[in-house]
Amino acid sequence: MITGERKLWLIFGIGCLLIAGILLIGLWHYLQLIASLVVGLGVLAVLVILTLHVLRTVTELAVKLHEQKLRQERLRPNDNGHYEIPLDESRVPIILPSTTQRQEGQIPYSRGYTSAESYSRRWED
């Protein structure tokens, strides 16, 4: 047994084929014009798809290059290699004082920890 949805799709497909056949027979004198329009629309669709694919590829490449540039700007030299400049809550790099040294055992990429007491003291002053 065919389900109801499959029956509807079958009826829809047969109906579309019948309409296309009737139009083809009715417009037989314009067959060359219709064929050229169909081929032209096919070529246009292929060109649009290729253009979108190229634009997407170029955009992804530009984003990756920009991210790499930003990452290189955020890296700071260190005795043990490089570590990344920490970010605050709004994802903006924190400018560290020049006297700040990376302590041995510090986890790279950490954003540090500030206790709740220091926040309350800051606002009370």
PDB file of N, CA and C in Angstrom:
ATOM      1  N   MET A   1       0.836  -1.195   0.000  1.00  0.00           N
ATOM      2  CA  MET A   1       0.000   0.000   0.000  1.00  0.00           C
ATOM      3  C   MET A   1       0.879   1.255   0.000  1.00  0.00           C
ATOM      4  N   ILE A   2       0.468   2.242  -0.765  1.00  0.00           N
ATOM      5  CA  ILE A   2       1.164   3.514  -0.818  1.00  0.00           C
ATOM      6  C   ILE A   2       0.522   4.437   0.215  1.00  0.00           C
ATOM      7  N   THR A   3       1.359   5.111   0.980  1.00  0.00           N
ATOM      8  CA  THR A   3       0.819   6.024   1.988  1.00  0.00           C
ATOM      9  C   THR A   3       0.174   7.229   1.309  1.00  0.00           C
ATOM     10  N   GLY A   4      -0.576   7.981   2.080  1.00  0.00           N
ATOM     11  CA  GLY A   4      -1.298   9.137   1.549  1.00  0.00           C
ATOM     12  C   GLY A   4      -0.365  10.209   1.003  1.00  0.00           C
ATOM     13  N   GLU A   5       0.750  10.421   1.691  1.00  0.00           N
ATOM     14  CA  GLU A   5       1.677  11.455   1.243  1.00  0.00           C
ATOM     15  C   GLU A   5       2.320  11.063  -0.090  1.00  0.00           C
ATOM     16  N   ARG A   6       2.688   9.797  -0.239  1.00  0.00           N
ATOM     17  CA  ARG A   6       3.278   9.338  -1.493  1.00  0.00           C
ATOM     18  C   ARG A   6       2.269   9.444  -2.637  1.00  0.00           C
ATOM     19  N   LYS A   7       1.010   9.160  -2.348  1.00  0.00           N
ATOM     20  CA  LYS A   7      -0.030   9.288  -3.376  1.00  0.00           C
ATOM     21  C   LYS A   7      -0.146  10.736  -3.845  1.00  0.00           C
ATOM     22  N   LEU A   8      -0.102  11.669  -2.879  1.00  0.00           N
ATOM     23  CA  LEU A   8      -0.199  13.080  -3.238  1.00  0.00           C
ATOM     24  C   LEU A   8       0.985  13.510  -4.096  1.00  0.00           C
ATOM     25  N   TRP A   9       2.202  13.079  -3.737  1.00  0.00           N
ATOM     26  CA  TRP A   9       3.382  13.430  -4.523  1.00  0.00           C
ATOM     27  C   TRP A   9       3.296  12.819  -5.926  1.00  0.00           C
ATOM     28  N   LEU A  10       2.802  11.594  -6.023  1.00  0.00           N
ATOM     29  CA  LEU A  10       2.640  10.946  -7.322  1.00  0.00           C
ATOM     30  C   LEU A  10       1.633  11.707  -8.191  1.00  0.00           C
ATOM     31  N   ILE A  11       0.505  12.091  -7.610  1.00  0.00           N
ATOM     32  CA  ILE A  11      -0.511  12.855  -8.340  1.00  0.00           C
ATOM     33  C   ILE A  11       0.047  14.215  -8.751  1.00  0.00           C
ATOM     34  N   PHE A  12       0.780  14.872  -7.852  1.00  0.00           N
ATOM     35  CA  PHE A  12       1.383  16.175  -8.147  1.00  0.00           C
ATOM     36  C   PHE A  12       2.386  16.056  -9.292  1.00  0.00           C
ATOM     37  N   GLY A  13       3.223  15.023  -9.261  1.00  0.00           N
ATOM     38  CA  GLY A  13       4.215  14.823 -10.319  1.00  0.00           C
ATOM     39  C   GLY A  13       3.572  14.546 -11.660  1.00  0.00           C
ATOM     40  N   ILE A  14       2.566  13.688 -11.679  1.00  0.00           N
ATOM     41  CA  ILE A  14       1.871  13.391 -12.930  1.00  0.00           C
ATOM     42  C   ILE A  14       1.172  14.641 -13.461  1.00  0.00           C
ATOM     43  N   GLY A  15       0.586  15.423 -12.573  1.00  0.00           N
ATOM     44  CA  GLY A  15      -0.071  16.670 -12.979  1.00  0.00           C
ATOM     45  C   GLY A  15       0.916  17.648 -13.598  1.00  0.00           C
ATOM     46  N   CYS A  16       2.092  17.779 -12.995  1.00  0.00           N
ATOM     47  CA  CYS A  16       3.116  18.679 -13.548  1.00  0.00           C
ATOM     48  C   CYS A  16       3.567  18.206 -14.930  1.00  0.00           C
ATOM     49  N   LEU A  17       3.758  16.893 -15.080  1.00  0.00           N
ATOM     50  CA  LEU A  17       4.138  16.357 -16.390  1.00  0.00           C
ATOM     51  C   LEU A  17       3.053  16.599 -17.435  1.00  0.00           C
ATOM     52  N   LEU A  18       1.806  16.429 -17.066  1.00  0.00           N
ATOM     53  CA  LEU A  18       0.703  16.683 -18.005  1.00  0.00           C
ATOM     54  C   LEU A  18       0.651  18.156 -18.415  1.00  0.00           C
ATOM     55  N   ILE A  19       0.797  19.050 -17.457  1.00  0.00           N
ATOM     56  CA  ILE A  19       0.784  20.484 -17.769  1.00  0.00           C
ATOM     57  C   ILE A  19       1.944  20.831 -18.687  1.00  0.00           C
ATOM     58  N   ALA A  20       3.141  20.305 -18.393  1.00  0.00           N
ATOM     59  CA  ALA A  20       4.301  20.569 -19.244  1.00  0.00           C
ATOM     60  C   ALA A  20       4.067  20.004 -20.647  1.00  0.00           C
ATOM     61  N   GLY A  21       3.480  18.817 -20.753  1.00  0.00           N
ATOM     62  CA  GLY A  21       3.191  18.221 -22.061  1.00  0.00           C
ATOM     63  C   GLY A  21       2.190  19.035 -22.845  1.00  0.00           C
ATOM     64  N   ILE A  22       1.155  19.488 -22.187  1.00  0.00           N
ATOM     65  CA  ILE A  22       0.124  20.298 -22.854  1.00  0.00           C
ATOM     66  C   ILE A  22       0.719  21.617 -23.339  1.00  0.00           C
ATOM     67  N   LEU A  23       1.535  22.249 -22.497  1.00  0.00           N
ATOM     68  CA  LEU A  23       2.183  23.497 -22.914  1.00  0.00           C
ATOM     69  C   LEU A  23       3.129  23.266 -24.077  1.00  0.00           C
ATOM     70  N   LEU A  24       3.858  22.148 -24.050  1.00  0.00           N
ATOM     71  CA  LEU A  24       4.786  21.845 -25.129  1.00  0.00           C
ATOM     72  C   LEU A  24       4.047  21.638 -26.450  1.00  0.00           C
ATOM     73  N   ILE A  25       2.934  20.920 -26.384  1.00  0.00           N
ATOM     74  CA  ILE A  25       2.144  20.688 -27.612  1.00  0.00           C
ATOM     75  C   ILE A  25       1.518  22.005 -28.089  1.00  0.00           C
ATOM     76  N   GLY A  26       0.994  22.803 -27.165  1.00  0.00           N
ATOM     77  CA  GLY A  26       0.346  24.062 -27.534  1.00  0.00           C
ATOM     78  C   GLY A  26       1.335  25.086 -28.063  1.00  0.00           C
ATOM     79  N   LEU A  27       2.543  25.062 -27.582  1.00  0.00           N
ATOM     80  CA  LEU A  27       3.541  26.051 -28.000  1.00  0.00           C
ATOM     81  C   LEU A  27       4.609  25.424 -28.896  1.00  0.00           C
ATOM     82  N   TRP A  28       4.229  24.431 -29.682  1.00  0.00           N
ATOM     83  CA  TRP A  28       5.190  23.705 -30.505  1.00  0.00           C
ATOM     84  C   TRP A  28       5.888  24.627 -31.512  1.00  0.00           C
ATOM     85  N   HIS A  29       5.190  25.650 -31.995  1.00  0.00           N
ATOM     86  CA  HIS A  29       5.780  26.567 -32.970  1.00  0.00           C
ATOM     87  C   HIS A  29       6.890  27.409 -32.345  1.00  0.00           C
ATOM     88  N   TYR A  30       6.850  27.543 -31.024  1.00  0.00           N
ATOM     89  CA  TYR A  30       7.857  28.330 -30.320  1.00  0.00           C
ATOM     90  C   TYR A  30       8.865  27.440 -29.585  1.00  0.00           C
ATOM     91  N   LEU A  31       9.027  26.217 -30.050  1.00  0.00           N
ATOM     92  CA  LEU A  31       9.879  25.243 -29.367  1.00  0.00           C
ATOM     93  C   LEU A  31      11.316  25.734 -29.249  1.00  0.00           C
ATOM     94  N   GLN A  32      11.837  26.330 -30.311  1.00  0.00           N
ATOM     95  CA  GLN A  32      13.222  26.795 -30.282  1.00  0.00           C
ATOM     96  C   GLN A  32      13.381  27.925 -29.256  1.00  0.00           C
ATOM     97  N   LEU A  33      12.441  28.839 -29.198  1.00  0.00           N
ATOM     98  CA  LEU A  33      12.490  29.931 -28.221  1.00  0.00           C
ATOM     99  C   LEU A  33      12.393  29.397 -26.796  1.00  0.00           C
ATOM    100  N   ILE A  34      11.475  28.482 -26.562  1.00  0.00           N
ATOM    101  CA  ILE A  34      11.300  27.908 -25.222  1.00  0.00           C
ATOM    102  C   ILE A  34      12.538  27.131 -24.808  1.00  0.00           C
ATOM    103  N   ALA A  35      13.101  26.349 -25.723  1.00  0.00           N
ATOM    104  CA  ALA A  35      14.307  25.578 -25.403  1.00  0.00           C
ATOM    105  C   ALA A  35      15.469  26.497 -25.069  1.00  0.00           C
ATOM    106  N   SER A  36      15.624  27.581 -25.819  1.00  0.00           N
ATOM    107  CA  SER A  36      16.727  28.509 -25.533  1.00  0.00           C
ATOM    108  C   SER A  36      16.512  29.200 -24.186  1.00  0.00           C
ATOM    109  N   LEU A  37      15.261  29.522 -23.848  1.00  0.00           N
ATOM    110  CA  LEU A  37      14.988  30.125 -22.540  1.00  0.00           C
ATOM    111  C   LEU A  37      15.293  29.146 -21.399  1.00  0.00           C
ATOM    112  N   VAL A  38      14.929  27.885 -21.557  1.00  0.00           N
ATOM    113  CA  VAL A  38      15.196  26.886 -20.528  1.00  0.00           C
ATOM    114  C   VAL A  38      16.698  26.684 -20.355  1.00  0.00           C
ATOM    115  N   VAL A  39      17.416  26.597 -21.480  1.00  0.00           N
ATOM    116  CA  VAL A  39      18.877  26.440 -21.402  1.00  0.00           C
ATOM    117  C   VAL A  39      19.504  27.684 -20.770  1.00  0.00           C
ATOM    118  N   GLY A  40      19.014  28.860 -21.149  1.00  0.00           N
ATOM    119  CA  GLY A  40      19.529  30.101 -20.559  1.00  0.00           C
ATOM    120  C   GLY A  40      19.300  30.164 -19.057  1.00  0.00           C
ATOM    121  N   LEU A  41      18.107  29.746 -18.616  1.00  0.00           N
ATOM    122  CA  LEU A  41      17.833  29.728 -17.171  1.00  0.00           C
ATOM    123  C   LEU A  41      18.729  28.722 -16.457  1.00  0.00           C
ATOM    124  N   GLY A  42      18.989  27.582 -17.089  1.00  0.00           N
ATOM    125  CA  GLY A  42      19.888  26.584 -16.496  1.00  0.00           C
ATOM    126  C   GLY A  42      21.292  27.130 -16.352  1.00  0.00           C
ATOM    127  N   VAL A  43      21.787  27.799 -17.403  1.00  0.00           N
ATOM    128  CA  VAL A  43      23.137  28.388 -17.353  1.00  0.00           C
ATOM    129  C   VAL A  43      23.191  29.481 -16.286  1.00  0.00           C
ATOM    130  N   LEU A  44      22.164  30.298 -16.209  1.00  0.00           N
ATOM    131  CA  LEU A  44      22.113  31.349 -15.189  1.00  0.00           C
ATOM    132  C   LEU A  44      22.129  30.756 -13.783  1.00  0.00           C
ATOM    133  N   ALA A  45      21.381  29.681 -13.574  1.00  0.00           N
ATOM    134  CA  ALA A  45      21.358  29.036 -12.259  1.00  0.00           C
ATOM    135  C   ALA A  45      22.736  28.499 -11.901  1.00  0.00           C
ATOM    136  N   VAL A  46      23.415  27.880 -12.864  1.00  0.00           N
ATOM    137  CA  VAL A  46      24.765  27.351 -12.606  1.00  0.00           C
ATOM    138  C   VAL A  46      25.732  28.486 -12.286  1.00  0.00           C
ATOM    139  N   LEU A  47      25.646  29.595 -13.030  1.00  0.00           N
ATOM    140  CA  LEU A  47      26.530  30.736 -12.757  1.00  0.00           C
ATOM    141  C   LEU A  47      26.278  31.340 -11.380  1.00  0.00           C
ATOM    142  N   VAL A  48      25.022  31.434 -10.978  1.00  0.00           N
ATOM    143  CA  VAL A  48      24.699  31.970  -9.652  1.00  0.00           C
ATOM    144  C   VAL A  48      25.240  31.053  -8.560  1.00  0.00           C
ATOM    145  N   ILE A  49      25.087  29.751  -8.725  1.00  0.00           N
ATOM    146  CA  ILE A  49      25.591  28.799  -7.732  1.00  0.00           C
ATOM    147  C   ILE A  49      27.109  28.888  -7.622  1.00  0.00           C
ATOM    148  N   LEU A  50      27.804  28.957  -8.770  1.00  0.00           N
ATOM    149  CA  LEU A  50      29.266  29.081  -8.747  1.00  0.00           C
ATOM    150  C   LEU A  50      29.714  30.388  -8.102  1.00  0.00           C
ATOM    151  N   THR A  51      29.014  31.483  -8.424  1.00  0.00           N
ATOM    152  CA  THR A  51      29.356  32.779  -7.831  1.00  0.00           C
ATOM    153  C   THR A  51      29.175  32.757  -6.321  1.00  0.00           C
ATOM    154  N   LEU A  52      28.084  32.186  -5.855  1.00  0.00           N
ATOM    155  CA  LEU A  52      27.860  32.097  -4.408  1.00  0.00           C
ATOM    156  C   LEU A  52      28.920  31.237  -3.734  1.00  0.00           C
ATOM    157  N   HIS A  53      29.309  30.162  -4.380  1.00  0.00           N
ATOM    158  CA  HIS A  53      30.350  29.285  -3.819  1.00  0.00           C
ATOM    159  C   HIS A  53      31.689  30.025  -3.723  1.00  0.00           C
ATOM    160  N   VAL A  54      32.046  30.774  -4.775  1.00  0.00           N
ATOM    161  CA  VAL A  54      33.298  31.534  -4.763  1.00  0.00           C
ATOM    162  C   VAL A  54      33.252  32.617  -3.685  1.00  0.00           C
ATOM    163  N   LEU A  55      32.131  33.332  -3.578  1.00  0.00           N
ATOM    164  CA  LEU A  55      32.009  34.376  -2.551  1.00  0.00           C
ATOM    165  C   LEU A  55      32.113  33.805  -1.141  1.00  0.00           C
ATOM    166  N   ARG A  56      31.477  32.641  -0.906  1.00  0.00           N
ATOM    167  CA  ARG A  56      31.550  32.014   0.404  1.00  0.00           C
ATOM    168  C   ARG A  56      32.982  31.595   0.723  1.00  0.00           C
ATOM    169  N   THR A  57      33.691  31.047  -0.270  1.00  0.00           N
ATOM    170  CA  THR A  57      35.074  30.618  -0.062  1.00  0.00           C
ATOM    171  C   THR A  57      35.967  31.817   0.234  1.00  0.00           C
ATOM    172  N   VAL A  58      35.812  32.898  -0.522  1.00  0.00           N
ATOM    173  CA  VAL A  58      36.629  34.097  -0.298  1.00  0.00           C
ATOM    174  C   VAL A  58      36.330  34.697   1.068  1.00  0.00           C
ATOM    175  N   THR A  59      35.069  34.730   1.463  1.00  0.00           N
ATOM    176  CA  THR A  59      34.693  35.280   2.768  1.00  0.00           C
ATOM    177  C   THR A  59      35.291  34.446   3.904  1.00  0.00           C
ATOM    178  N   GLU A  60      35.201  33.119   3.803  1.00  0.00           N
ATOM    179  CA  GLU A  60      35.779  32.267   4.840  1.00  0.00           C
ATOM    180  C   GLU A  60      37.285  32.449   4.921  1.00  0.00           C
ATOM    181  N   LEU A  61      37.948  32.596   3.784  1.00  0.00           N
ATOM    182  CA  LEU A  61      39.395  32.807   3.768  1.00  0.00           C
ATOM    183  C   LEU A  61      39.752  34.137   4.422  1.00  0.00           C
ATOM    184  N   ALA A  62      38.992  35.190   4.111  1.00  0.00           N
ATOM    185  CA  ALA A  62      39.263  36.502   4.705  1.00  0.00           C
ATOM    186  C   ALA A  62      39.062  36.463   6.219  1.00  0.00           C
ATOM    187  N   VAL A  63      38.032  35.769   6.683  1.00  0.00           N
ATOM    188  CA  VAL A  63      37.777  35.668   8.127  1.00  0.00           C
ATOM    189  C   VAL A  63      38.920  34.916   8.813  1.00  0.00           C
ATOM    190  N   LYS A  64      39.373  33.816   8.212  1.00  0.00           N
ATOM    191  CA  LYS A  64      40.472  33.043   8.808  1.00  0.00           C
ATOM    192  C   LYS A  64      41.749  33.864   8.875  1.00  0.00           C
ATOM    193  N   LEU A  65      42.063  34.607   7.806  1.00  0.00           N
ATOM    194  CA  LEU A  65      43.261  35.442   7.821  1.00  0.00           C
ATOM    195  C   LEU A  65      43.159  36.541   8.871  1.00  0.00           C
ATOM    196  N   HIS A  66      41.974  37.132   9.007  1.00  0.00           N
ATOM    197  CA  HIS A  66      41.782  38.177  10.009  1.00  0.00           C
ATOM    198  C   HIS A  66      41.936  37.606  11.420  1.00  0.00           C
ATOM    199  N   GLU A  67      41.377  36.415  11.662  1.00  0.00           N
ATOM    200  CA  GLU A  67      41.520  35.787  12.973  1.00  0.00           C
ATOM    201  C   GLU A  67      42.979  35.479  13.276  1.00  0.00           C
ATOM    202  N   GLN A  68      43.732  35.015  12.287  1.00  0.00           N
ATOM    203  CA  GLN A  68      45.149  34.732  12.503  1.00  0.00           C
ATOM    204  C   GLN A  68      45.912  36.009  12.816  1.00  0.00           C
ATOM    205  N   LYS A  69      45.595  37.099  12.125  1.00  0.00           N
ATOM    206  CA  LYS A  69      46.256  38.369  12.385  1.00  0.00           C
ATOM    207  C   LYS A  69      45.954  38.850  13.805  1.00  0.00           C
ATOM    208  N   LEU A  70      44.687  38.767  14.210  1.00  0.00           N
ATOM    209  CA  LEU A  70      44.322  39.183  15.561  1.00  0.00           C
ATOM    210  C   LEU A  70      45.020  38.326  16.608  1.00  0.00           C
ATOM    211  N   ARG A  71      45.126  37.034  16.360  1.00  0.00           N
ATOM    212  CA  ARG A  71      45.791  36.153  17.312  1.00  0.00           C
ATOM    213  C   ARG A  71      47.270  36.503  17.434  1.00  0.00           C
ATOM    214  N   GLN A  72      47.917  36.817  16.313  1.00  0.00           N
ATOM    215  CA  GLN A  72      49.327  37.196  16.369  1.00  0.00           C
ATOM    216  C   GLN A  72      49.512  38.491  17.147  1.00  0.00           C
ATOM    217  N   GLU A  73      48.554  39.412  17.026  1.00  0.00           N
ATOM    218  CA  GLU A  73      48.639  40.668  17.770  1.00  0.00           C
ATOM    219  C   GLU A  73      48.425  40.450  19.261  1.00  0.00           C
ATOM    220  N   ARG A  74      47.664  39.411  19.628  1.00  0.00           N
ATOM    221  CA  ARG A  74      47.369  39.157  21.032  1.00  0.00           C
ATOM    222  C   ARG A  74      48.441  38.336  21.719  1.00  0.00           C
ATOM    223  N   LEU A  75      49.371  37.748  20.981  1.00  0.00           N
ATOM    224  CA  LEU A  75      50.414  36.944  21.601  1.00  0.00           C
ATOM    225  C   LEU A  75      51.534  37.846  22.098  1.00  0.00           C
ATOM    226  N   ARG A  76      51.996  37.563  23.311  1.00  0.00           N
ATOM    227  CA  ARG A  76      53.105  38.322  23.873  1.00  0.00           C
ATOM    228  C   ARG A  76      54.268  37.382  24.130  1.00  0.00           C
ATOM    229  N   PRO A  77      55.481  37.839  23.847  1.00  0.00           N
ATOM    230  CA  PRO A  77      56.635  36.969  24.093  1.00  0.00           C
ATOM    231  C   PRO A  77      56.867  36.768  25.590  1.00  0.00           C
ATOM    232  N   ASN A  78      57.466  35.647  25.899  1.00  0.00           N
ATOM    233  CA  ASN A  78      57.698  35.252  27.277  1.00  0.00           C
ATOM    234  C   ASN A  78      58.962  34.405  27.306  1.00  0.00           C
ATOM    235  N   ASP A  79      59.534  34.221  28.495  1.00  0.00           N
ATOM    236  CA  ASP A  79      60.716  33.365  28.608  1.00  0.00           C
ATOM    237  C   ASP A  79      60.405  31.942  28.158  1.00  0.00           C
ATOM    238  N   ASN A  80      59.200  31.482  28.430  1.00  0.00           N
ATOM    239  CA  ASN A  80      58.824  30.101  28.115  1.00  0.00           C
ATOM    240  C   ASN A  80      58.077  29.999  26.792  1.00  0.00           C
ATOM    241  N   GLY A  81      58.157  30.983  25.959  1.00  0.00           N
ATOM    242  CA  GLY A  81      57.415  30.959  24.696  1.00  0.00           C
ATOM    243  C   GLY A  81      56.474  32.148  24.634  1.00  0.00           C
ATOM    244  N   HIS A  82      55.278  31.923  24.184  1.00  0.00           N
ATOM    245  CA  HIS A  82      54.287  32.987  24.050  1.00  0.00           C
ATOM    246  C   HIS A  82      53.063  32.658  24.898  1.00  0.00           C
ATOM    247  N   TYR A  83      52.403  33.672  25.382  1.00  0.00           N
ATOM    248  CA  TYR A  83      51.111  33.488  26.031  1.00  0.00           C
ATOM    249  C   TYR A  83      50.169  34.552  25.504  1.00  0.00           C
ATOM    250  N   GLU A  84      48.900  34.257  25.596  1.00  0.00           N
ATOM    251  CA  GLU A  84      47.893  35.124  25.005  1.00  0.00           C
ATOM    252  C   GLU A  84      47.463  36.196  25.998  1.00  0.00           C
ATOM    253  N   ILE A  85      47.205  37.399  25.492  1.00  0.00           N
ATOM    254  CA  ILE A  85      46.720  38.487  26.330  1.00  0.00           C
ATOM    255  C   ILE A  85      45.319  38.122  26.799  1.00  0.00           C
ATOM    256  N   PRO A  86      45.034  38.202  28.088  1.00  0.00           N
ATOM    257  CA  PRO A  86      43.694  37.835  28.580  1.00  0.00           C
ATOM    258  C   PRO A  86      42.628  38.824  28.111  1.00  0.00           C
ATOM    259  N   LEU A  87      41.391  38.335  28.079  1.00  0.00           N
ATOM    260  CA  LEU A  87      40.249  39.155  27.677  1.00  0.00           C
ATOM    261  C   LEU A  87      39.360  39.417  28.883  1.00  0.00           C
ATOM    262  N   ASP A  88      38.663  40.559  28.869  1.00  0.00           N
ATOM    263  CA  ASP A  88      37.689  40.809  29.929  1.00  0.00           C
ATOM    264  C   ASP A  88      36.340  40.238  29.513  1.00  0.00           C
ATOM    265  N   GLU A  89      35.292  40.528  30.305  1.00  0.00           N
ATOM    266  CA  GLU A  89      33.976  39.937  30.036  1.00  0.00           C
ATOM    267  C   GLU A  89      33.404  40.342  28.680  1.00  0.00           C
ATOM    268  N   SER A  90      33.745  41.536  28.209  1.00  0.00           N
ATOM    269  CA  SER A  90      33.229  42.000  26.925  1.00  0.00           C
ATOM    270  C   SER A  90      34.146  41.601  25.769  1.00  0.00           C
ATOM    271  N   ARG A  91      35.044  40.648  26.008  1.00  0.00           N
ATOM    272  CA  ARG A  91      35.947  40.084  25.004  1.00  0.00           C
ATOM    273  C   ARG A  91      36.917  41.117  24.438  1.00  0.00           C
ATOM    274  N   VAL A  92      37.308  42.110  25.276  1.00  0.00           N
ATOM    275  CA  VAL A  92      38.277  43.124  24.882  1.00  0.00           C
ATOM    276  C   VAL A  92      39.595  42.785  25.570  1.00  0.00           C
ATOM    277  N   PRO A  93      40.732  42.827  24.845  1.00  0.00           N
ATOM    278  CA  PRO A  93      42.013  42.505  25.479  1.00  0.00           C
ATOM    279  C   PRO A  93      42.332  43.452  26.627  1.00  0.00           C
ATOM    280  N   ILE A  94      42.817  42.878  27.705  1.00  0.00           N
ATOM    281  CA  ILE A  94      43.225  43.653  28.876  1.00  0.00           C
ATOM    282  C   ILE A  94      44.683  44.031  28.691  1.00  0.00           C
ATOM    283  N   ILE A  95      44.985  45.323  28.794  1.00  0.00           N
ATOM    284  CA  ILE A  95      46.358  45.783  28.662  1.00  0.00           C
ATOM    285  C   ILE A  95      47.026  45.616  30.028  1.00  0.00           C
ATOM    286  N   LEU A  96      47.994  44.744  30.088  1.00  0.00           N
ATOM    287  CA  LEU A  96      48.696  44.483  31.335  1.00  0.00           C
ATOM    288  C   LEU A  96      49.810  45.499  31.520  1.00  0.00           C
ATOM    289  N   PRO A  97      50.083  45.922  32.764  1.00  0.00           N
ATOM    290  CA  PRO A  97      51.208  46.832  33.009  1.00  0.00           C
ATOM    291  C   PRO A  97      52.513  46.150  32.609  1.00  0.00           C
ATOM    292  N   SER A  98      53.494  46.944  32.236  1.00  0.00           N
ATOM    293  CA  SER A  98      54.757  46.374  31.775  1.00  0.00           C
ATOM    294  C   SER A  98      55.509  45.678  32.905  1.00  0.00           C
ATOM    295  N   THR A  99      55.173  46.004  34.182  1.00  0.00           N
ATOM    296  CA  THR A  99      55.866  45.370  35.306  1.00  0.00           C
ATOM    297  C   THR A  99      55.302  43.994  35.620  1.00  0.00           C
ATOM    298  N   THR A 100      54.172  43.632  35.024  1.00  0.00           N
ATOM    299  CA  THR A 100      53.547  42.344  35.292  1.00  0.00           C
ATOM    300  C   THR A 100      54.362  41.243  34.620  1.00  0.00           C
ATOM    301  N   GLN A 101      54.766  40.289  35.399  1.00  0.00           N
ATOM    302  CA  GLN A 101      55.523  39.157  34.880  1.00  0.00           C
ATOM    303  C   GLN A 101      54.664  37.916  34.977  1.00  0.00           C
ATOM    304  N   ARG A 102      54.842  37.034  34.063  1.00  0.00           N
ATOM    305  CA  ARG A 102      54.136  35.762  34.121  1.00  0.00           C
ATOM    306  C   ARG A 102      54.834  34.890  35.138  1.00  0.00           C
ATOM    307  N   GLN A 103      54.063  34.460  36.126  1.00  0.00           N
ATOM    308  CA  GLN A 103      54.644  33.647  37.182  1.00  0.00           C
ATOM    309  C   GLN A 103      54.750  32.206  36.736  1.00  0.00           C
ATOM    310  N   GLU A 104      55.765  31.538  37.251  1.00  0.00           N
ATOM    311  CA  GLU A 104      55.954  30.138  36.897  1.00  0.00           C
ATOM    312  C   GLU A 104      54.769  29.334  37.427  1.00  0.00           C
ATOM    313  N   GLY A 105      54.260  28.454  36.635  1.00  0.00           N
ATOM    314  CA  GLY A 105      53.121  27.639  37.029  1.00  0.00           C
ATOM    315  C   GLY A 105      51.785  28.256  36.660  1.00  0.00           C
ATOM    316  N   GLN A 106      51.800  29.481  36.146  1.00  0.00           N
ATOM    317  CA  GLN A 106      50.542  30.110  35.740  1.00  0.00           C
ATOM    318  C   GLN A 106      50.026  29.413  34.494  1.00  0.00           C
ATOM    319  N   ILE A 107      48.739  29.203  34.468  1.00  0.00           N
ATOM    320  CA  ILE A 107      48.127  28.519  33.335  1.00  0.00           C
ATOM    321  C   ILE A 107      47.962  29.513  32.190  1.00  0.00           C
ATOM    322  N   PRO A 108      48.492  29.199  30.997  1.00  0.00           N
ATOM    323  CA  PRO A 108      48.288  30.107  29.867  1.00  0.00           C
ATOM    324  C   PRO A 108      46.803  30.210  29.526  1.00  0.00           C
ATOM    325  N   TYR A 109      46.421  31.328  28.942  1.00  0.00           N
ATOM    326  CA  TYR A 109      45.060  31.627  28.513  1.00  0.00           C
ATOM    327  C   TYR A 109      44.113  31.843  29.686  1.00  0.00           C
ATOM    328  N   SER A 110      44.608  31.901  30.913  1.00  0.00           N
ATOM    329  CA  SER A 110      43.703  32.120  32.039  1.00  0.00           C
ATOM    330  C   SER A 110      43.328  33.586  32.087  1.00  0.00           C
ATOM    331  N   ARG A 111      42.152  33.848  32.572  1.00  0.00           N
ATOM    332  CA  ARG A 111      41.695  35.228  32.682  1.00  0.00           C
ATOM    333  C   ARG A 111      41.783  35.709  34.125  1.00  0.00           C
ATOM    334  N   GLY A 112      42.358  34.902  34.980  1.00  0.00           N
ATOM    335  CA  GLY A 112      42.537  35.311  36.359  1.00  0.00           C
ATOM    336  C   GLY A 112      41.276  35.125  37.175  1.00  0.00           C
ATOM    337  N   TYR A 113      41.389  35.372  38.468  1.00  0.00           N
ATOM    338  CA  TYR A 113      40.276  35.205  39.381  1.00  0.00           C
ATOM    339  C   TYR A 113      40.243  36.406  40.309  1.00  0.00           C
ATOM    340  N   THR A 114      39.089  36.981  40.470  1.00  0.00           N
ATOM    341  CA  THR A 114      38.900  38.078  41.395  1.00  0.00           C
ATOM    342  C   THR A 114      37.778  37.682  42.335  1.00  0.00           C
ATOM    343  N   SER A 115      38.053  37.755  43.609  1.00  0.00           N
ATOM    344  CA  SER A 115      37.053  37.327  44.585  1.00  0.00           C
ATOM    345  C   SER A 115      35.922  38.350  44.664  1.00  0.00           C
ATOM    346  N   ALA A 116      34.813  37.921  45.212  1.00  0.00           N
ATOM    347  CA  ALA A 116      33.645  38.793  45.348  1.00  0.00           C
ATOM    348  C   ALA A 116      33.928  39.932  46.320  1.00  0.00           C
ATOM    349  N   GLU A 117      34.815  39.707  47.314  1.00  0.00           N
ATOM    350  CA  GLU A 117      35.131  40.759  48.281  1.00  0.00           C
ATOM    351  C   GLU A 117      35.798  41.948  47.599  1.00  0.00           C
ATOM    352  N   SER A 118      36.694  41.689  46.661  1.00  0.00           N
ATOM    353  CA  SER A 118      37.390  42.794  46.016  1.00  0.00           C
ATOM    354  C   SER A 118      36.418  43.630  45.188  1.00  0.00           C
ATOM    355  N   TYR A 119      35.384  42.978  44.606  1.00  0.00           N
ATOM    356  CA  TYR A 119      34.372  43.746  43.876  1.00  0.00           C
ATOM    357  C   TYR A 119      33.589  44.630  44.838  1.00  0.00           C
ATOM    358  N   SER A 120      33.185  44.095  45.974  1.00  0.00           N
ATOM    359  CA  SER A 120      32.405  44.883  46.905  1.00  0.00           C
ATOM    360  C   SER A 120      33.246  46.017  47.501  1.00  0.00           C
ATOM    361  N   ARG A 121      34.532  45.767  47.760  1.00  0.00           N
ATOM    362  CA  ARG A 121      35.405  46.843  48.278  1.00  0.00           C
ATOM    363  C   ARG A 121      35.557  47.949  47.238  1.00  0.00           C
ATOM    364  N   ARG A 122      35.668  47.549  45.985  1.00  0.00           N
ATOM    365  CA  ARG A 122      35.846  48.523  44.931  1.00  0.00           C
ATOM    366  C   ARG A 122      34.650  49.458  44.840  1.00  0.00           C
ATOM    367  N   TRP A 123      33.436  48.928  44.987  1.00  0.00           N
ATOM    368  CA  TRP A 123      32.240  49.738  44.862  1.00  0.00           C
ATOM    369  C   TRP A 123      31.948  50.540  46.108  1.00  0.00           C
ATOM    370  N   GLU A 124      32.474  50.112  47.266  1.00  0.00           N
ATOM    371  CA  GLU A 124      32.210  50.854  48.498  1.00  0.00           C
ATOM    372  C   GLU A 124      33.053  52.112  48.589  1.00  0.00           C
ATOM    373  N   ASP A 125      34.195  52.110  47.936  1.00  0.00           N
ATOM    374  CA  ASP A 125      35.098  53.277  48.021  1.00  0.00           C
ATOM    375  C   ASP A 125      34.566  54.476  47.323  1.00  0.00           C
TER     376      ASP A 125
END
